[in-house]
C-alpha atoms as a PDB file:
ATOM      1  CA  UNK A   1     -42.974 -34.809   1.910  1.00  0.00           C
ATOM      2  CA  UNK A   2     -43.521 -31.338   3.328  1.00  0.00           C
ATOM      3  CA  UNK A   3     -41.423 -30.269   6.268  1.00  0.00           C
ATOM      4  CA  UNK A   4     -43.164 -28.915   9.320  1.00  0.00           C
ATOM      5  CA  UNK A   5     -42.071 -25.710  11.098  1.00  0.00           C
ATOM      6  CA  UNK A   6     -43.169 -23.730  14.148  1.00  0.00           C
ATOM      7  CA  UNK A   7     -42.525 -20.124  15.113  1.00  0.00           C
ATOM      8  CA  UNK A   8     -44.083 -17.111  16.808  1.00  0.00           C
ATOM      9  CA  UNK A   9     -43.856 -13.410  17.613  1.00  0.00           C
ATOM     10  CA  UNK A  10     -42.180 -11.962  14.539  1.00  0.00           C
ATOM     11  CA  UNK A  11     -43.873  -8.606  15.090  1.00  0.00           C
ATOM     12  CA  UNK A  12     -43.110  -7.621  11.484  1.00  0.00           C
ATOM     13  CA  UNK A  13     -43.172  -3.828  11.155  1.00  0.00           C
ATOM     14  CA  UNK A  14     -43.244  -3.204  14.917  1.00  0.00           C
ATOM     15  CA  UNK A  15     -40.540  -0.645  15.637  1.00  0.00           C
ATOM     16  CA  UNK A  16     -40.900  -0.743  19.426  1.00  0.00           C
ATOM     17  CA  UNK A  17     -40.355  -4.516  19.664  1.00  0.00           C
ATOM     18  CA  UNK A  18     -36.673  -3.847  18.930  1.00  0.00           C
ATOM     19  CA  UNK A  19     -36.429  -1.857  22.160  1.00  0.00           C
ATOM     20  CA  UNK A  20     -38.867  -3.961  24.223  1.00  0.00           C
ATOM     21  CA  UNK A  21     -37.076  -7.247  23.462  1.00  0.00           C
ATOM     22  CA  UNK A  22     -33.585  -5.829  22.908  1.00  0.00           C
ATOM     23  CA  UNK A  23     -33.513  -7.203  19.379  1.00  0.00           C
ATOM     24  CA  UNK A  24     -30.141  -6.590  17.669  1.00  0.00           C
ATOM     25  CA  UNK A  25     -31.457  -4.570  14.738  1.00  0.00           C
ATOM     26  CA  UNK A  26     -30.742  -0.923  13.922  1.00  0.00           C
ATOM     27  CA  UNK A  27     -34.289  -0.304  12.673  1.00  0.00           C
ATOM     28  CA  UNK A  28     -37.545  -1.982  11.704  1.00  0.00           C
ATOM     29  CA  UNK A  29     -36.560  -2.353   8.028  1.00  0.00           C
ATOM     30  CA  UNK A  30     -33.412  -4.282   8.949  1.00  0.00           C
ATOM     31  CA  UNK A  31     -35.427  -6.418  11.379  1.00  0.00           C
ATOM     32  CA  UNK A  32     -38.042  -7.255   8.727  1.00  0.00           C
ATOM     33  CA  UNK A  33     -35.370  -8.168   6.169  1.00  0.00           C
ATOM     34  CA  UNK A  34     -33.436 -10.431   8.545  1.00  0.00           C
ATOM     35  CA  UNK A  35     -36.615 -12.127   9.776  1.00  0.00           C
ATOM     36  CA  UNK A  36     -37.674 -12.811   6.169  1.00  0.00           C
ATOM     37  CA  UNK A  37     -34.186 -14.074   5.299  1.00  0.00           C
ATOM     38  CA  UNK A  38     -34.011 -16.449   8.275  1.00  0.00           C
ATOM     39  CA  UNK A  39     -37.535 -17.733   7.608  1.00  0.00           C
ATOM     40  CA  UNK A  40     -36.733 -18.496   3.961  1.00  0.00           C
ATOM     41  CA  UNK A  41     -33.370 -20.103   4.804  1.00  0.00           C
ATOM     42  CA  UNK A  42     -35.306 -22.844   6.599  1.00  0.00           C
ATOM     43  CA  UNK A  43     -38.747 -22.953   4.998  1.00  0.00           C
ATOM     44  CA  UNK A  44     -39.266 -24.073   1.412  1.00  0.00           C
ATOM     45  CA  UNK A  45     -42.374 -23.098  -0.636  1.00  0.00           C
ATOM     46  CA  UNK A  46     -44.082 -26.487  -0.081  1.00  0.00           C
ATOM     47  CA  UNK A  47     -43.446 -26.606   3.695  1.00  0.00           C
ATOM     48  CA  UNK A  48     -46.054 -26.081   6.417  1.00  0.00           C
ATOM     49  CA  UNK A  49     -45.467 -23.336   9.004  1.00  0.00           C
ATOM     50  CA  UNK A  50     -47.518 -22.965  12.173  1.00  0.00           C
ATOM     51  CA  UNK A  51     -47.160 -19.391  13.419  1.00  0.00           C
ATOM     52  CA  UNK A  52     -48.312 -18.997  17.019  1.00  0.00           C
ATOM     53  CA  UNK A  53     -49.293 -15.355  16.902  1.00  0.00           C
ATOM     54  CA  UNK A  54     -48.203 -11.729  16.847  1.00  0.00           C
ATOM     55  CA  UNK A  55     -47.312 -11.959  13.200  1.00  0.00           C
ATOM     56  CA  UNK A  56     -47.059  -8.255  12.448  1.00  0.00           C
ATOM     57  CA  UNK A  57     -47.896  -4.772  13.644  1.00  0.00           C
ATOM     58  CA  UNK A  58     -47.877  -2.590  10.564  1.00  0.00           C
ATOM     59  CA  UNK A  59     -50.144  -1.342   7.812  1.00  0.00           C
ATOM     60  CA  UNK A  60     -52.033  -4.055   5.956  1.00  0.00           C
ATOM     61  CA  UNK A  61     -50.348  -3.223   2.632  1.00  0.00           C
ATOM     62  CA  UNK A  62     -46.884  -3.505   4.125  1.00  0.00           C
ATOM     63  CA  UNK A  63     -47.711  -6.803   5.839  1.00  0.00           C
ATOM     64  CA  UNK A  64     -49.185  -8.169   2.612  1.00  0.00           C
ATOM     65  CA  UNK A  65     -45.865  -7.469   0.832  1.00  0.00           C
ATOM     66  CA  UNK A  66     -43.949  -9.245   3.611  1.00  0.00           C
ATOM     67  CA  UNK A  67     -46.290 -12.243   3.430  1.00  0.00           C
ATOM     68  CA  UNK A  68     -45.761 -12.481  -0.351  1.00  0.00           C
ATOM     69  CA  UNK A  69     -42.021 -12.945   0.281  1.00  0.00           C
ATOM     70  CA  UNK A  70     -42.333 -15.725   2.869  1.00  0.00           C
ATOM     71  CA  UNK A  71     -42.054 -19.356   1.840  1.00  0.00           C
ATOM     72  CA  UNK A  72     -44.481 -22.026   2.931  1.00  0.00           C
ATOM     73  CA  UNK A  73     -48.123 -22.612   3.671  1.00  0.00           C
ATOM     74  CA  UNK A  74     -48.776 -20.590   6.819  1.00  0.00           C
ATOM     75  CA  UNK A  75     -51.282 -21.534   9.521  1.00  0.00           C
ATOM     76  CA  UNK A  76     -51.873 -18.734  12.035  1.00  0.00           C
ATOM     77  CA  UNK A  77     -52.815 -19.051  15.680  1.00  0.00           C
ATOM     78  CA  UNK A  78     -54.203 -15.700  16.819  1.00  0.00           C
ATOM     79  CA  UNK A  79     -52.026 -13.698  19.142  1.00  0.00           C
ATOM     80  CA  UNK A  80     -52.942 -10.425  20.751  1.00  0.00           C
ATOM     81  CA  UNK A  81     -51.731  -8.360  17.736  1.00  0.00           C
ATOM     82  CA  UNK A  82     -53.386  -9.788  14.599  1.00  0.00           C
ATOM     83  CA  UNK A  83     -55.486  -6.963  13.145  1.00  0.00           C
ATOM     84  CA  UNK A  84     -53.286  -6.582  10.046  1.00  0.00           C
ATOM     85  CA  UNK A  85     -52.750 -10.336   9.661  1.00  0.00           C
ATOM     86  CA  UNK A  86     -56.479 -10.964   9.752  1.00  0.00           C
ATOM     87  CA  UNK A  87     -56.916  -8.397   6.983  1.00  0.00           C
ATOM     88  CA  UNK A  88     -54.486 -10.573   4.950  1.00  0.00           C
ATOM     89  CA  UNK A  89     -56.420 -13.762   5.775  1.00  0.00           C
ATOM     90  CA  UNK A  90     -56.264 -15.136   2.228  1.00  0.00           C
ATOM     91  CA  UNK A  91     -52.487 -15.669   2.578  1.00  0.00           C
ATOM     92  CA  UNK A  92     -53.029 -18.038   5.519  1.00  0.00           C
ATOM     93  CA  UNK A  93     -54.278 -21.608   5.191  1.00  0.00           C
ATOM     94  CA  UNK A  94     -56.427 -20.852   8.232  1.00  0.00           C
ATOM     95  CA  UNK A  95     -56.514 -18.590  11.299  1.00  0.00           C
ATOM     96  CA  UNK A  96     -57.574 -20.078  14.642  1.00  0.00           C
ATOM     97  CA  UNK A  97     -57.354 -19.277  18.333  1.00  0.00           C
ATOM     98  CA  UNK A  98     -56.124 -22.765  19.295  1.00  0.00           C
ATOM     99  CA  UNK A  99     -55.175 -25.958  17.482  1.00  0.00           C
ATOM    100  CA  UNK A 100     -54.356 -29.561  18.321  1.00  0.00           C
ATOM    101  CA  UNK A 101     -52.010 -30.800  15.605  1.00  0.00           C
ATOM    102  CA  UNK A 102     -51.507 -34.537  15.057  1.00  0.00           C
ATOM    103  CA  UNK A 103     -48.137 -35.406  13.511  1.00  0.00           C
ATOM    104  CA  UNK A 104     -47.536 -38.891  12.099  1.00  0.00           C
ATOM    105  CA  UNK A 105     -44.375 -40.164  13.801  1.00  0.00           C
ATOM    106  CA  UNK A 106     -43.472 -43.842  14.195  1.00  0.00           C
ATOM    107  CA  UNK A 107     -41.181 -43.060  17.151  1.00  0.00           C
ATOM    108  CA  UNK A 108     -44.285 -42.723  19.313  1.00  0.00           C
ATOM    109  CA  UNK A 109     -46.308 -45.628  20.671  1.00  0.00           C
ATOM    110  CA  UNK A 110     -49.426 -44.836  18.658  1.00  0.00           C
ATOM    111  CA  UNK A 111     -47.515 -43.725  15.569  1.00  0.00           C
ATOM    112  CA  UNK A 112     -48.384 -40.086  16.112  1.00  0.00           C
ATOM    113  CA  UNK A 113     -47.596 -37.111  18.334  1.00  0.00           C
ATOM    114  CA  UNK A 114     -50.089 -34.436  19.330  1.00  0.00           C
ATOM    115  CA  UNK A 115     -48.932 -30.829  19.693  1.00  0.00           C
ATOM    116  CA  UNK A 116     -51.132 -28.215  21.335  1.00  0.00           C
ATOM    117  CA  UNK A 117     -50.610 -24.837  19.665  1.00  0.00           C
ATOM    118  CA  UNK A 118     -51.660 -21.696  21.531  1.00  0.00           C
ATOM    119  CA  UNK A 119     -50.280 -18.162  21.675  1.00  0.00           C
ATOM    120  CA  UNK A 120     -50.088 -18.241  25.462  1.00  0.00           C
ATOM    121  CA  UNK A 121     -48.271 -20.645  27.778  1.00  0.00           C
ATOM    122  CA  UNK A 122     -50.587 -22.928  29.708  1.00  0.00           C
ATOM    123  CA  UNK A 123     -49.717 -25.223  32.604  1.00  0.00           C
ATOM    124  CA  UNK A 124     -52.071 -28.058  31.633  1.00  0.00           C
ATOM    125  CA  UNK A 125     -53.333 -28.939  28.172  1.00  0.00           C
ATOM    126  CA  UNK A 126     -55.247 -31.736  26.508  1.00  0.00           C
ATOM    127  CA  UNK A 127     -53.467 -35.067  27.022  1.00  0.00           C
ATOM    128  CA  UNK A 128     -50.441 -33.431  28.654  1.00  0.00           C
ATOM    129  CA  UNK A 129     -50.325 -36.383  31.052  1.00  0.00           C
ATOM    130  CA  UNK A 130     -49.829 -38.674  28.035  1.00  0.00           C
ATOM    131  CA  UNK A 131     -46.861 -36.757  26.618  1.00  0.00           C
ATOM    132  CA  UNK A 132     -48.570 -34.273  24.319  1.00  0.00           C
ATOM    133  CA  UNK A 133     -46.353 -31.301  23.483  1.00  0.00           C
ATOM    134  CA  UNK A 134     -47.377 -27.665  23.970  1.00  0.00           C
ATOM    135  CA  UNK A 135     -45.797 -24.827  21.977  1.00  0.00           C
ATOM    136  CA  UNK A 136     -46.514 -21.202  22.770  1.00  0.00           C
ATOM    137  CA  UNK A 137     -45.278 -17.674  22.126  1.00  0.00           C
ATOM    138  CA  UNK A 138     -46.205 -14.300  23.611  1.00  0.00           C
ATOM    139  CA  UNK A 139     -43.609 -14.234  26.395  1.00  0.00           C
ATOM    140  CA  UNK A 140     -40.521 -13.485  24.227  1.00  0.00           C
ATOM    141  CA  UNK A 141     -38.359 -15.738  26.406  1.00  0.00           C
ATOM    142  CA  UNK A 142     -39.293 -14.108  29.707  1.00  0.00           C
ATOM    143  CA  UNK A 143     -40.880 -17.204  31.287  1.00  0.00           C
ATOM    144  CA  UNK A 144     -38.655 -19.568  33.236  1.00  0.00           C
ATOM    145  CA  UNK A 145     -38.037 -22.822  31.414  1.00  0.00           C
ATOM    146  CA  UNK A 146     -39.661 -25.830  33.091  1.00  0.00           C
ATOM    147  CA  UNK A 147     -37.458 -28.854  32.438  1.00  0.00           C
ATOM    148  CA  UNK A 148     -40.228 -31.207  33.594  1.00  0.00           C
ATOM    149  CA  UNK A 149     -42.836 -29.845  31.156  1.00  0.00           C
ATOM    150  CA  UNK A 150     -43.199 -30.874  27.522  1.00  0.00           C
ATOM    151  CA  UNK A 151     -43.671 -27.248  26.505  1.00  0.00           C
ATOM    152  CA  UNK A 152     -41.560 -24.287  25.488  1.00  0.00           C
ATOM    153  CA  UNK A 153     -41.598 -20.825  23.926  1.00  0.00           C
ATOM    154  CA  UNK A 154     -41.325 -21.206  20.149  1.00  0.00           C
ATOM    155  CA  UNK A 155     -40.981 -17.439  19.616  1.00  0.00           C
ATOM    156  CA  UNK A 156     -38.235 -16.042  17.413  1.00  0.00           C
ATOM    157  CA  UNK A 157     -36.596 -14.213  20.318  1.00  0.00           C
ATOM    158  CA  UNK A 158     -35.723 -17.613  21.828  1.00  0.00           C
ATOM    159  CA  UNK A 159     -34.352 -19.253  18.662  1.00  0.00           C
ATOM    160  CA  UNK A 160     -32.030 -16.754  16.991  1.00  0.00           C
ATOM    161  CA  UNK A 161     -34.994 -15.493  14.923  1.00  0.00           C
ATOM    162  CA  UNK A 162     -35.422 -18.818  13.067  1.00  0.00           C
ATOM    163  CA  UNK A 163     -38.474 -21.063  12.856  1.00  0.00           C
ATOM    164  CA  UNK A 164     -37.871 -24.555  14.282  1.00  0.00           C
ATOM    165  CA  UNK A 165     -38.602 -27.770  12.432  1.00  0.00           C
ATOM    166  CA  UNK A 166     -40.635 -30.576  13.961  1.00  0.00           C
ATOM    167  CA  UNK A 167     -37.404 -32.556  14.349  1.00  0.00           C
ATOM    168  CA  UNK A 168     -35.813 -29.664  16.282  1.00  0.00           C
ATOM    169  CA  UNK A 169     -38.889 -29.386  18.502  1.00  0.00           C
ATOM    170  CA  UNK A 170     -38.773 -33.128  19.176  1.00  0.00           C
ATOM    171  CA  UNK A 171     -35.045 -32.950  20.017  1.00  0.00           C
ATOM    172  CA  UNK A 172     -35.709 -30.186  22.562  1.00  0.00           C
ATOM    173  CA  UNK A 173     -38.565 -32.173  24.107  1.00  0.00           C
ATOM    174  CA  UNK A 174     -36.249 -35.202  24.467  1.00  0.00           C
ATOM    175  CA  UNK A 175     -34.002 -33.122  26.750  1.00  0.00           C
ATOM    176  CA  UNK A 176     -36.879 -32.573  29.193  1.00  0.00           C
ATOM    177  CA  UNK A 177     -37.139 -34.468  32.495  1.00  0.00           C
ATOM    178  CA  UNK A 178     -40.844 -35.162  31.974  1.00  0.00           C
ATOM    179  CA  UNK A 179     -42.230 -38.366  33.448  1.00  0.00           C
ATOM    180  CA  UNK A 180     -45.753 -39.669  32.893  1.00  0.00           C
ATOM    181  CA  UNK A 181     -47.719 -38.950  36.082  1.00  0.00           C
ATOM    182  CA  UNK A 182     -49.363 -42.375  35.959  1.00  0.00           C
ATOM    183  CA  UNK A 183     -46.206 -44.332  35.197  1.00  0.00           C
ATOM    184  CA  UNK A 184     -46.034 -47.642  37.030  1.00  0.00           C
ATOM    185  CA  UNK A 185     -43.196 -47.723  39.501  1.00  0.00           C
ATOM    186  CA  UNK A 186     -40.875 -50.719  39.562  1.00  0.00           C
ATOM    187  CA  UNK A 187     -41.510 -52.745  42.698  1.00  0.00           C
END
């Protein structure tokens, strides 16, 4: 069975992201190498990776070489910096603006969990009142965490530059104080 991973905001090749996000890298080459290393430590060639945007800001040829080194089947949600990634579209399984992913999971009442994937954080999403998860990027950890919302920033700046597995995402969601808004109160 393939493992399932989520990540966002690598900004491969983007020199200024080191300064903007205070990333601990001496230069863009070191950043690219460490991001590739951490990706491949977790993701195996047969795994599925949902990348929630801002994949890279560099020349198409350079990004193509980076993509060749990354493990997994990559599904890309468009961010606001995808010109080079879109030019490398054949390396992605698909590229979309938004996606509702259904994951088979017997821990849930209906045997599945829906995850809304979008580059930007949203306050309400399809079936959020039924416990659907929402993963987003873009904010690089600058948004306040909402402990009552089944959503969080999946970007690399928030997770020590690693992608997170579905099991890790689910573990984080279990720490939330979310309650169904239509839950029957005990009388």
